């Protein structure tokens, strides 16, 4: 299975550490992708367990990445546009992490 994690950054922070711990447990059975949109520097440890990629805030590039790598599952949080891009790319399973309040994510409708 090809799993992509979409975050603002994969450099430092609580969610970044959590994703890394989870990824180390999944890496031997799945192809992992770590795609960030706001901070181009990605902690080297992510390249040890999967593919790390910076797309910037180019939502078309994010959709193309998800399609071209035939991602099966996207897990995201922080920004509704991540989910919109995953759905537009026809990713079969899209999982939203609903905790956290970066960029007011909890204040926007999920409809």
PDB file of N, CA and C in Angstrom:
ATOM      1  N   UNK A   1       0.840  -1.166   0.000  1.00  0.00           N
ATOM      2  CA  UNK A   1       0.000   0.000   0.000  1.00  0.00           C
ATOM      3  C   UNK A   1       0.895   1.242   0.000  1.00  0.00           C
ATOM      4  N   UNK A   2       0.499   2.256  -0.745  1.00  0.00           N
ATOM      5  CA  UNK A   2       1.221   3.530  -0.803  1.00  0.00           C
ATOM      6  C   UNK A   2       0.479   4.555   0.060  1.00  0.00           C
ATOM      7  N   UNK A   3       1.149   5.016   1.107  1.00  0.00           N
ATOM      8  CA  UNK A   3       0.546   5.929   2.080  1.00  0.00           C
ATOM      9  C   UNK A   3       1.293   7.257   2.036  1.00  0.00           C
ATOM     10  N   UNK A   4       0.534   8.350   1.942  1.00  0.00           N
ATOM     11  CA  UNK A   4       1.136   9.686   1.952  1.00  0.00           C
ATOM     12  C   UNK A   4       0.655  10.456   3.178  1.00  0.00           C
ATOM     13  N   UNK A   5       1.599  11.078   3.842  1.00  0.00           N
ATOM     14  CA  UNK A   5       1.307  11.988   4.950  1.00  0.00           C
ATOM     15  C   UNK A   5       1.507  13.395   4.433  1.00  0.00           C
ATOM     16  N   UNK A   6       0.498  14.246   4.583  1.00  0.00           N
ATOM     17  CA  UNK A   6       0.571  15.626   4.113  1.00  0.00           C
ATOM     18  C   UNK A   6       0.600  16.552   5.316  1.00  0.00           C
ATOM     19  N   UNK A   7       1.642  17.370   5.411  1.00  0.00           N
ATOM     20  CA  UNK A   7       1.784  18.333   6.506  1.00  0.00           C
ATOM     21  C   UNK A   7       2.395  19.626   5.977  1.00  0.00           C
ATOM     22  N   UNK A   8       2.299  20.670   6.770  1.00  0.00           N
ATOM     23  CA  UNK A   8       2.986  21.922   6.453  1.00  0.00           C
ATOM     24  C   UNK A   8       4.487  21.695   6.357  1.00  0.00           C
ATOM     25  N   UNK A   9       5.017  20.897   7.302  1.00  0.00           N
ATOM     26  CA  UNK A   9       6.456  20.662   7.316  1.00  0.00           C
ATOM     27  C   UNK A   9       6.756  19.307   7.949  1.00  0.00           C
ATOM     28  N   UNK A  10       7.932  18.797   7.658  1.00  0.00           N
ATOM     29  CA  UNK A  10       8.453  17.576   8.265  1.00  0.00           C
ATOM     30  C   UNK A  10       9.819  17.879   8.855  1.00  0.00           C
ATOM     31  N   UNK A  11       9.884  18.957   9.618  1.00  0.00           N
ATOM     32  CA  UNK A  11      11.153  19.393  10.181  1.00  0.00           C
ATOM     33  C   UNK A  11      11.197  19.179  11.688  1.00  0.00           C
ATOM     34  N   UNK A  12      10.218  19.705  12.398  1.00  0.00           N
ATOM     35  CA  UNK A  12      10.212  19.570  13.853  1.00  0.00           C
ATOM     36  C   UNK A  12       8.804  19.763  14.377  1.00  0.00           C
ATOM     37  N   UNK A  13       8.558  19.289  15.577  1.00  0.00           N
ATOM     38  CA  UNK A  13       7.257  19.478  16.200  1.00  0.00           C
ATOM     39  C   UNK A  13       6.632  18.168  16.635  1.00  0.00           C
ATOM     40  N   UNK A  14       5.565  18.296  17.396  1.00  0.00           N
ATOM     41  CA  UNK A  14       4.895  17.133  17.958  1.00  0.00           C
ATOM     42  C   UNK A  14       4.276  16.215  16.916  1.00  0.00           C
ATOM     43  N   UNK A  15       3.542  16.780  15.951  1.00  0.00           N
ATOM     44  CA  UNK A  15       2.911  15.951  14.935  1.00  0.00           C
ATOM     45  C   UNK A  15       3.969  15.296  14.052  1.00  0.00           C
ATOM     46  N   UNK A  16       5.023  16.026  13.744  1.00  0.00           N
ATOM     47  CA  UNK A  16       6.112  15.486  12.928  1.00  0.00           C
ATOM     48  C   UNK A  16       6.740  14.278  13.633  1.00  0.00           C
ATOM     49  N   UNK A  17       6.961  14.382  14.932  1.00  0.00           N
ATOM     50  CA  UNK A  17       7.524  13.269  15.702  1.00  0.00           C
ATOM     51  C   UNK A  17       6.576  12.086  15.734  1.00  0.00           C
ATOM     52  N   UNK A  18       5.286  12.350  15.896  1.00  0.00           N
ATOM     53  CA  UNK A  18       4.294  11.275  15.921  1.00  0.00           C
ATOM     54  C   UNK A  18       4.258  10.542  14.579  1.00  0.00           C
ATOM     55  N   UNK A  19       4.230  11.301  13.479  1.00  0.00           N
ATOM     56  CA  UNK A  19       4.211  10.686  12.153  1.00  0.00           C
ATOM     57  C   UNK A  19       5.463   9.832  11.950  1.00  0.00           C
ATOM     58  N   UNK A  20       6.606  10.317  12.378  1.00  0.00           N
ATOM     59  CA  UNK A  20       7.836   9.550  12.223  1.00  0.00           C
ATOM     60  C   UNK A  20       7.781   8.232  13.004  1.00  0.00           C
ATOM     61  N   UNK A  21       7.311   8.286  14.233  1.00  0.00           N
ATOM     62  CA  UNK A  21       7.210   7.059  15.033  1.00  0.00           C
ATOM     63  C   UNK A  21       6.272   6.052  14.369  1.00  0.00           C
ATOM     64  N   UNK A  22       5.146   6.523  13.868  1.00  0.00           N
ATOM     65  CA  UNK A  22       4.218   5.646  13.165  1.00  0.00           C
ATOM     66  C   UNK A  22       4.864   5.084  11.896  1.00  0.00           C
ATOM     67  N   UNK A  23       5.528   5.940  11.150  1.00  0.00           N
ATOM     68  CA  UNK A  23       6.146   5.527   9.887  1.00  0.00           C
ATOM     69  C   UNK A  23       7.190   4.432  10.093  1.00  0.00           C
ATOM     70  N   UNK A  24       7.956   4.523  11.153  1.00  0.00           N
ATOM     71  CA  UNK A  24       8.978   3.497  11.390  1.00  0.00           C
ATOM     72  C   UNK A  24       8.346   2.128  11.618  1.00  0.00           C
ATOM     73  N   UNK A  25       7.116   2.111  12.072  1.00  0.00           N
ATOM     74  CA  UNK A  25       6.419   0.839  12.285  1.00  0.00           C
ATOM     75  C   UNK A  25       5.756   0.323  11.008  1.00  0.00           C
ATOM     76  N   UNK A  26       5.529   1.200  10.041  1.00  0.00           N
ATOM     77  CA  UNK A  26       4.851   0.814   8.798  1.00  0.00           C
ATOM     78  C   UNK A  26       5.793   0.618   7.616  1.00  0.00           C
ATOM     79  N   UNK A  27       6.996   1.136   7.711  1.00  0.00           N
ATOM     80  CA  UNK A  27       7.902   1.212   6.563  1.00  0.00           C
ATOM     81  C   UNK A  27       8.254  -0.138   5.954  1.00  0.00           C
ATOM     82  N   UNK A  28       8.297  -1.180   6.746  1.00  0.00           N
ATOM     83  CA  UNK A  28       8.685  -2.482   6.193  1.00  0.00           C
ATOM     84  C   UNK A  28       7.554  -3.140   5.400  1.00  0.00           C
ATOM     85  N   UNK A  29       6.306  -2.630   5.549  1.00  0.00           N
ATOM     86  CA  UNK A  29       5.165  -3.235   4.854  1.00  0.00           C
ATOM     87  C   UNK A  29       4.519  -2.322   3.823  1.00  0.00           C
ATOM     88  N   UNK A  30       4.852  -1.021   3.850  1.00  0.00           N
ATOM     89  CA  UNK A  30       4.172  -0.064   2.968  1.00  0.00           C
ATOM     90  C   UNK A  30       5.171   0.921   2.370  1.00  0.00           C
ATOM     91  N   UNK A  31       4.778   1.495   1.244  1.00  0.00           N
ATOM     92  CA  UNK A  31       5.566   2.562   0.625  1.00  0.00           C
ATOM     93  C   UNK A  31       5.061   3.883   1.199  1.00  0.00           C
ATOM     94  N   UNK A  32       5.943   4.614   1.863  1.00  0.00           N
ATOM     95  CA  UNK A  32       5.543   5.833   2.559  1.00  0.00           C
ATOM     96  C   UNK A  32       6.040   7.077   1.831  1.00  0.00           C
ATOM     97  N   UNK A  33       5.182   8.105   1.823  1.00  0.00           N
ATOM     98  CA  UNK A  33       5.498   9.396   1.217  1.00  0.00           C
ATOM     99  C   UNK A  33       5.210  10.482   2.245  1.00  0.00           C
ATOM    100  N   UNK A  34       6.132  11.415   2.369  1.00  0.00           N
ATOM    101  CA  UNK A  34       5.977  12.545   3.284  1.00  0.00           C
ATOM    102  C   UNK A  34       6.015  13.804   2.431  1.00  0.00           C
ATOM    103  N   UNK A  35       4.863  14.446   2.276  1.00  0.00           N
ATOM    104  CA  UNK A  35       4.753  15.578   1.363  1.00  0.00           C
ATOM    105  C   UNK A  35       4.431  16.824   2.170  1.00  0.00           C
ATOM    106  N   UNK A  36       5.299  17.838   2.051  1.00  0.00           N
ATOM    107  CA  UNK A  36       5.076  19.068   2.803  1.00  0.00           C
ATOM    108  C   UNK A  36       4.867  20.247   1.854  1.00  0.00           C
ATOM    109  N   UNK A  37       4.212  21.273   2.401  1.00  0.00           N
ATOM    110  CA  UNK A  37       3.784  22.396   1.566  1.00  0.00           C
ATOM    111  C   UNK A  37       4.302  23.760   2.005  1.00  0.00           C
ATOM    112  N   UNK A  38       4.830  23.882   3.196  1.00  0.00           N
ATOM    113  CA  UNK A  38       5.183  25.220   3.669  1.00  0.00           C
ATOM    114  C   UNK A  38       6.660  25.404   4.016  1.00  0.00           C
ATOM    115  N   UNK A  39       7.330  24.372   4.461  1.00  0.00           N
ATOM    116  CA  UNK A  39       8.731  24.474   4.858  1.00  0.00           C
ATOM    117  C   UNK A  39       9.533  23.494   4.005  1.00  0.00           C
ATOM    118  N   UNK A  40      10.420  23.988   3.147  1.00  0.00           N
ATOM    119  CA  UNK A  40      11.133  23.090   2.236  1.00  0.00           C
ATOM    120  C   UNK A  40      12.146  22.161   2.894  1.00  0.00           C
ATOM    121  N   UNK A  41      12.605  22.493   4.074  1.00  0.00           N
ATOM    122  CA  UNK A  41      13.573  21.627   4.748  1.00  0.00           C
ATOM    123  C   UNK A  41      12.842  20.461   5.407  1.00  0.00           C
ATOM    124  N   UNK A  42      13.240  19.238   5.032  1.00  0.00           N
ATOM    125  CA  UNK A  42      12.633  18.035   5.577  1.00  0.00           C
ATOM    126  C   UNK A  42      13.698  17.297   6.372  1.00  0.00           C
ATOM    127  N   UNK A  43      13.379  16.916   7.596  1.00  0.00           N
ATOM    128  CA  UNK A  43      14.339  16.198   8.437  1.00  0.00           C
ATOM    129  C   UNK A  43      14.818  14.947   7.705  1.00  0.00           C
ATOM    130  N   UNK A  44      16.132  14.743   7.654  1.00  0.00           N
ATOM    131  CA  UNK A  44      16.696  13.603   6.916  1.00  0.00           C
ATOM    132  C   UNK A  44      16.148  12.242   7.335  1.00  0.00           C
ATOM    133  N   UNK A  45      15.699  12.110   8.565  1.00  0.00           N
ATOM    134  CA  UNK A  45      15.209  10.806   9.040  1.00  0.00           C
ATOM    135  C   UNK A  45      14.014  10.312   8.223  1.00  0.00           C
ATOM    136  N   UNK A  46      13.254  11.233   7.611  1.00  0.00           N
ATOM    137  CA  UNK A  46      12.108  10.810   6.805  1.00  0.00           C
ATOM    138  C   UNK A  46      12.542  10.108   5.527  1.00  0.00           C
ATOM    139  N   UNK A  47      13.654  10.514   4.972  1.00  0.00           N
ATOM    140  CA  UNK A  47      14.180   9.846   3.773  1.00  0.00           C
ATOM    141  C   UNK A  47      14.667   8.437   4.089  1.00  0.00           C
ATOM    142  N   UNK A  48      14.928   8.162   5.348  1.00  0.00           N
ATOM    143  CA  UNK A  48      15.356   6.821   5.750  1.00  0.00           C
ATOM    144  C   UNK A  48      14.204   5.817   5.740  1.00  0.00           C
ATOM    145  N   UNK A  49      12.974   6.291   5.858  1.00  0.00           N
ATOM    146  CA  UNK A  49      11.823   5.378   5.928  1.00  0.00           C
ATOM    147  C   UNK A  49      10.848   5.530   4.763  1.00  0.00           C
ATOM    148  N   UNK A  50      11.069   6.512   3.901  1.00  0.00           N
ATOM    149  CA  UNK A  50      10.164   6.712   2.772  1.00  0.00           C
ATOM    150  C   UNK A  50      10.663   7.809   1.853  1.00  0.00           C
ATOM    151  N   UNK A  51       9.772   8.309   1.031  1.00  0.00           N
ATOM    152  CA  UNK A  51      10.087   9.386   0.102  1.00  0.00           C
ATOM    153  C   UNK A  51       9.635  10.716   0.701  1.00  0.00           C
ATOM    154  N   UNK A  52      10.532  11.660   0.757  1.00  0.00           N
ATOM    155  CA  UNK A  52      10.213  12.991   1.287  1.00  0.00           C
ATOM    156  C   UNK A  52      10.201  13.973   0.124  1.00  0.00           C
ATOM    157  N   UNK A  53       9.142  14.785   0.045  1.00  0.00           N
ATOM    158  CA  UNK A  53       8.996  15.677  -1.090  1.00  0.00           C
ATOM    159  C   UNK A  53       8.349  16.999  -0.660  1.00  0.00           C
ATOM    160  N   UNK A  54       8.872  18.083  -1.172  1.00  0.00           N
ATOM    161  CA  UNK A  54       8.317  19.421  -0.938  1.00  0.00           C
ATOM    162  C   UNK A  54       7.630  19.879  -2.218  1.00  0.00           C
ATOM    163  N   UNK A  55       6.336  20.235  -2.136  1.00  0.00           N
ATOM    164  CA  UNK A  55       5.608  20.727  -3.309  1.00  0.00           C
ATOM    165  C   UNK A  55       5.309  22.216  -3.221  1.00  0.00           C
ATOM    166  N   UNK A  56       5.553  22.821  -2.064  1.00  0.00           N
ATOM    167  CA  UNK A  56       5.167  24.217  -1.902  1.00  0.00           C
ATOM    168  C   UNK A  56       3.655  24.330  -1.815  1.00  0.00           C
ATOM    169  N   UNK A  57       3.167  25.531  -1.987  1.00  0.00           N
ATOM    170  CA  UNK A  57       1.715  25.759  -1.901  1.00  0.00           C
ATOM    171  C   UNK A  57       1.073  25.680  -3.274  1.00  0.00           C
ATOM    172  N   UNK A  58       1.591  24.813  -4.096  1.00  0.00           N
ATOM    173  CA  UNK A  58       1.074  24.588  -5.441  1.00  0.00           C
ATOM    174  C   UNK A  58       0.136  23.387  -5.375  1.00  0.00           C
ATOM    175  N   UNK A  59      -1.158  23.663  -5.254  1.00  0.00           N
ATOM    176  CA  UNK A  59      -2.128  22.594  -5.031  1.00  0.00           C
ATOM    177  C   UNK A  59      -2.238  21.680  -6.246  1.00  0.00           C
ATOM    178  N   UNK A  60      -2.011  22.201  -7.427  1.00  0.00           N
ATOM    179  CA  UNK A  60      -1.983  21.362  -8.622  1.00  0.00           C
ATOM    180  C   UNK A  60      -0.820  20.386  -8.570  1.00  0.00           C
ATOM    181  N   UNK A  61       0.342  20.851  -8.103  1.00  0.00           N
ATOM    182  CA  UNK A  61       1.512  19.977  -7.972  1.00  0.00           C
ATOM    183  C   UNK A  61       1.253  18.883  -6.941  1.00  0.00           C
ATOM    184  N   UNK A  62       0.552  19.221  -5.876  1.00  0.00           N
ATOM    185  CA  UNK A  62       0.218  18.220  -4.863  1.00  0.00           C
ATOM    186  C   UNK A  62      -0.684  17.146  -5.467  1.00  0.00           C
ATOM    187  N   UNK A  63      -1.703  17.551  -6.200  1.00  0.00           N
ATOM    188  CA  UNK A  63      -2.593  16.589  -6.848  1.00  0.00           C
ATOM    189  C   UNK A  63      -1.832  15.706  -7.831  1.00  0.00           C
ATOM    190  N   UNK A  64      -0.951  16.314  -8.625  1.00  0.00           N
ATOM    191  CA  UNK A  64      -0.163  15.544  -9.593  1.00  0.00           C
ATOM    192  C   UNK A  64       0.738  14.529  -8.890  1.00  0.00           C
ATOM    193  N   UNK A  65       1.339  14.945  -7.770  1.00  0.00           N
ATOM    194  CA  UNK A  65       2.199  14.032  -7.012  1.00  0.00           C
ATOM    195  C   UNK A  65       1.389  12.821  -6.546  1.00  0.00           C
ATOM    196  N   UNK A  66       0.235  13.065  -5.959  1.00  0.00           N
ATOM    197  CA  UNK A  66      -0.596  11.979  -5.443  1.00  0.00           C
ATOM    198  C   UNK A  66      -1.029  11.035  -6.562  1.00  0.00           C
ATOM    199  N   UNK A  67      -1.407  11.600  -7.709  1.00  0.00           N
ATOM    200  CA  UNK A  67      -1.825  10.775  -8.848  1.00  0.00           C
ATOM    201  C   UNK A  67      -0.653   9.991  -9.438  1.00  0.00           C
ATOM    202  N   UNK A  68       0.467  10.671  -9.664  1.00  0.00           N
ATOM    203  CA  UNK A  68       1.600  10.022 -10.343  1.00  0.00           C
ATOM    204  C   UNK A  68       2.216   8.902  -9.500  1.00  0.00           C
ATOM    205  N   UNK A  69       2.095   9.004  -8.187  1.00  0.00           N
ATOM    206  CA  UNK A  69       2.620   7.957  -7.316  1.00  0.00           C
ATOM    207  C   UNK A  69       1.549   6.946  -6.910  1.00  0.00           C
ATOM    208  N   UNK A  70       0.363   7.104  -7.477  1.00  0.00           N
ATOM    209  CA  UNK A  70      -0.758   6.191  -7.238  1.00  0.00           C
ATOM    210  C   UNK A  70      -0.969   5.918  -5.747  1.00  0.00           C
ATOM    211  N   UNK A  71      -1.094   7.006  -4.990  1.00  0.00           N
ATOM    212  CA  UNK A  71      -1.262   6.911  -3.535  1.00  0.00           C
ATOM    213  C   UNK A  71      -2.597   6.249  -3.203  1.00  0.00           C
ATOM    214  N   UNK A  72      -2.560   5.308  -2.271  1.00  0.00           N
ATOM    215  CA  UNK A  72      -3.765   4.592  -1.836  1.00  0.00           C
ATOM    216  C   UNK A  72      -4.434   5.240  -0.635  1.00  0.00           C
ATOM    217  N   UNK A  73      -3.632   5.820   0.254  1.00  0.00           N
ATOM    218  CA  UNK A  73      -4.151   6.413   1.491  1.00  0.00           C
ATOM    219  C   UNK A  73      -3.438   7.737   1.735  1.00  0.00           C
ATOM    220  N   UNK A  74      -4.209   8.762   2.060  1.00  0.00           N
ATOM    221  CA  UNK A  74      -3.652  10.051   2.491  1.00  0.00           C
ATOM    222  C   UNK A  74      -4.106  10.296   3.918  1.00  0.00           C
ATOM    223  N   UNK A  75      -3.163  10.685   4.757  1.00  0.00           N
ATOM    224  CA  UNK A  75      -3.484  11.139   6.105  1.00  0.00           C
ATOM    225  C   UNK A  75      -3.035  12.589   6.180  1.00  0.00           C
ATOM    226  N   UNK A  76      -3.925  13.467   6.605  1.00  0.00           N
ATOM    227  CA  UNK A  76      -3.587  14.883   6.677  1.00  0.00           C
ATOM    228  C   UNK A  76      -4.238  15.517   7.887  1.00  0.00           C
ATOM    229  N   UNK A  77      -3.789  16.692   8.178  1.00  0.00           N
ATOM    230  CA  UNK A  77      -4.382  17.541   9.196  1.00  0.00           C
ATOM    231  C   UNK A  77      -4.020  18.971   8.854  1.00  0.00           C
ATOM    232  N   UNK A  78      -4.456  19.888   9.653  1.00  0.00           N
ATOM    233  CA  UNK A  78      -4.054  21.288   9.557  1.00  0.00           C
ATOM    234  C   UNK A  78      -4.785  22.098   8.496  1.00  0.00           C
ATOM    235  N   UNK A  79      -5.038  21.568   7.334  1.00  0.00           N
ATOM    236  CA  UNK A  79      -5.498  22.414   6.250  1.00  0.00           C
ATOM    237  C   UNK A  79      -6.471  21.648   5.357  1.00  0.00           C
ATOM    238  N   UNK A  80      -7.681  22.118   5.231  1.00  0.00           N
ATOM    239  CA  UNK A  80      -8.702  21.426   4.449  1.00  0.00           C
ATOM    240  C   UNK A  80      -8.283  21.206   3.001  1.00  0.00           C
ATOM    241  N   UNK A  81      -7.493  22.111   2.435  1.00  0.00           N
ATOM    242  CA  UNK A  81      -7.099  21.969   1.036  1.00  0.00           C
ATOM    243  C   UNK A  81      -6.337  20.667   0.799  1.00  0.00           C
ATOM    244  N   UNK A  82      -5.661  20.137   1.813  1.00  0.00           N
ATOM    245  CA  UNK A  82      -4.971  18.855   1.660  1.00  0.00           C
ATOM    246  C   UNK A  82      -5.984  17.752   1.330  1.00  0.00           C
ATOM    247  N   UNK A  83      -7.074  17.732   2.058  1.00  0.00           N
ATOM    248  CA  UNK A  83      -8.124  16.745   1.790  1.00  0.00           C
ATOM    249  C   UNK A  83      -8.770  16.965   0.442  1.00  0.00           C
ATOM    250  N   UNK A  84      -9.003  18.228   0.096  1.00  0.00           N
ATOM    251  CA  UNK A  84      -9.583  18.534  -1.215  1.00  0.00           C
ATOM    252  C   UNK A  84      -8.677  18.045  -2.343  1.00  0.00           C
ATOM    253  N   UNK A  85      -7.372  18.245  -2.205  1.00  0.00           N
ATOM    254  CA  UNK A  85      -6.416  17.793  -3.221  1.00  0.00           C
ATOM    255  C   UNK A  85      -6.401  16.272  -3.321  1.00  0.00           C
ATOM    256  N   UNK A  86      -6.442  15.601  -2.185  1.00  0.00           N
ATOM    257  CA  UNK A  86      -6.447  14.137  -2.189  1.00  0.00           C
ATOM    258  C   UNK A  86      -7.692  13.600  -2.881  1.00  0.00           C
ATOM    259  N   UNK A  87      -8.835  14.210  -2.595  1.00  0.00           N
ATOM    260  CA  UNK A  87     -10.071  13.765  -3.241  1.00  0.00           C
ATOM    261  C   UNK A  87     -10.049  14.066  -4.737  1.00  0.00           C
ATOM    262  N   UNK A  88      -9.533  15.240  -5.122  1.00  0.00           N
ATOM    263  CA  UNK A  88      -9.431  15.589  -6.540  1.00  0.00           C
ATOM    264  C   UNK A  88      -8.487  14.632  -7.269  1.00  0.00           C
ATOM    265  N   UNK A  89      -7.472  14.131  -6.567  1.00  0.00           N
ATOM    266  CA  UNK A  89      -6.520  13.185  -7.159  1.00  0.00           C
ATOM    267  C   UNK A  89      -7.075  11.758  -7.139  1.00  0.00           C
ATOM    268  N   UNK A  90      -8.271  11.599  -6.630  1.00  0.00           N
ATOM    269  CA  UNK A  90      -8.960  10.311  -6.545  1.00  0.00           C
ATOM    270  C   UNK A  90      -8.227   9.285  -5.677  1.00  0.00           C
ATOM    271  N   UNK A  91      -7.676   9.783  -4.583  1.00  0.00           N
ATOM    272  CA  UNK A  91      -7.071   8.873  -3.604  1.00  0.00           C
ATOM    273  C   UNK A  91      -8.223   8.103  -2.954  1.00  0.00           C
ATOM    274  N   UNK A  92      -8.172   6.777  -2.941  1.00  0.00           N
ATOM    275  CA  UNK A  92      -9.302   5.984  -2.426  1.00  0.00           C
ATOM    276  C   UNK A  92      -9.637   6.210  -0.956  1.00  0.00           C
ATOM    277  N   UNK A  93      -8.619   6.404  -0.094  1.00  0.00           N
ATOM    278  CA  UNK A  93      -8.864   6.579   1.337  1.00  0.00           C
ATOM    279  C   UNK A  93      -8.201   7.866   1.788  1.00  0.00           C
ATOM    280  N   UNK A  94      -9.003   8.769   2.361  1.00  0.00           N
ATOM    281  CA  UNK A  94      -8.498  10.053   2.849  1.00  0.00           C
ATOM    282  C   UNK A  94      -8.876  10.160   4.324  1.00  0.00           C
ATOM    283  N   UNK A  95      -7.862  10.304   5.175  1.00  0.00           N
ATOM    284  CA  UNK A  95      -8.066  10.342   6.617  1.00  0.00           C
ATOM    285  C   UNK A  95      -7.654  11.709   7.133  1.00  0.00           C
ATOM    286  N   UNK A  96      -8.583  12.386   7.784  1.00  0.00           N
ATOM    287  CA  UNK A  96      -8.278  13.690   8.370  1.00  0.00           C
ATOM    288  C   UNK A  96      -7.984  13.541   9.853  1.00  0.00           C
ATOM    289  N   UNK A  97      -6.874  14.109  10.269  1.00  0.00           N
ATOM    290  CA  UNK A  97      -6.567  14.207  11.691  1.00  0.00           C
ATOM    291  C   UNK A  97      -7.249  15.486  12.182  1.00  0.00           C
ATOM    292  N   UNK A  98      -8.127  15.377  13.145  1.00  0.00           N
ATOM    293  CA  UNK A  98      -8.930  16.538  13.529  1.00  0.00           C
ATOM    294  C   UNK A  98      -8.419  17.277  14.750  1.00  0.00           C
ATOM    295  N   UNK A  99      -7.333  16.812  15.368  1.00  0.00           N
ATOM    296  CA  UNK A  99      -6.807  17.558  16.508  1.00  0.00           C
ATOM    297  C   UNK A  99      -5.886  18.660  16.015  1.00  0.00           C
ATOM    298  N   UNK A 100      -5.586  19.581  16.864  1.00  0.00           N
ATOM    299  CA  UNK A 100      -4.697  20.681  16.490  1.00  0.00           C
ATOM    300  C   UNK A 100      -5.490  21.843  15.914  1.00  0.00           C
ATOM    301  N   UNK A 101      -4.918  23.010  15.968  1.00  0.00           N
ATOM    302  CA  UNK A 101      -5.643  24.202  15.524  1.00  0.00           C
ATOM    303  C   UNK A 101      -4.789  25.091  14.626  1.00  0.00           C
ATOM    304  N   UNK A 102      -3.738  24.568  14.020  1.00  0.00           N
ATOM    305  CA  UNK A 102      -2.893  25.377  13.148  1.00  0.00           C
ATOM    306  C   UNK A 102      -3.739  25.942  12.001  1.00  0.00           C
ATOM    307  N   UNK A 103      -3.565  27.188  11.728  1.00  0.00           N
ATOM    308  CA  UNK A 103      -4.273  27.866  10.630  1.00  0.00           C
ATOM    309  C   UNK A 103      -5.784  27.819  10.802  1.00  0.00           C
ATOM    310  N   UNK A 104      -6.259  27.659  12.034  1.00  0.00           N
ATOM    311  CA  UNK A 104      -7.696  27.669  12.271  1.00  0.00           C
ATOM    312  C   UNK A 104      -8.421  26.464  11.719  1.00  0.00           C
ATOM    313  N   UNK A 105      -7.754  25.329  11.563  1.00  0.00           N
ATOM    314  CA  UNK A 105      -8.350  24.145  10.956  1.00  0.00           C
ATOM    315  C   UNK A 105      -9.634  23.715  11.644  1.00  0.00           C
ATOM    316  N   UNK A 106      -9.698  23.877  12.954  1.00  0.00           N
ATOM    317  CA  UNK A 106     -10.877  23.442  13.682  1.00  0.00           C
ATOM    318  C   UNK A 106     -12.065  24.378  13.512  1.00  0.00           C
ATOM    319  N   UNK A 107     -11.809  25.564  13.000  1.00  0.00           N
ATOM    320  CA  UNK A 107     -12.869  26.553  12.866  1.00  0.00           C
ATOM    321  C   UNK A 107     -13.584  26.480  11.522  1.00  0.00           C
ATOM    322  N   UNK A 108     -13.098  25.683  10.584  1.00  0.00           N
ATOM    323  CA  UNK A 108     -13.693  25.609   9.252  1.00  0.00           C
ATOM    324  C   UNK A 108     -14.579  24.381   9.123  1.00  0.00           C
ATOM    325  N   UNK A 109     -15.644  24.532   8.384  1.00  0.00           N
ATOM    326  CA  UNK A 109     -16.558  23.424   8.142  1.00  0.00           C
ATOM    327  C   UNK A 109     -15.850  22.304   7.403  1.00  0.00           C
ATOM    328  N   UNK A 110     -16.179  21.070   7.727  1.00  0.00           N
ATOM    329  CA  UNK A 110     -15.611  19.910   7.047  1.00  0.00           C
ATOM    330  C   UNK A 110     -16.515  19.422   5.920  1.00  0.00           C
ATOM    331  N   UNK A 111     -17.598  20.122   5.664  1.00  0.00           N
ATOM    332  CA  UNK A 111     -18.502  19.708   4.598  1.00  0.00           C
ATOM    333  C   UNK A 111     -17.850  19.918   3.286  1.00  0.00           C
TER     334      UNK A 111
END
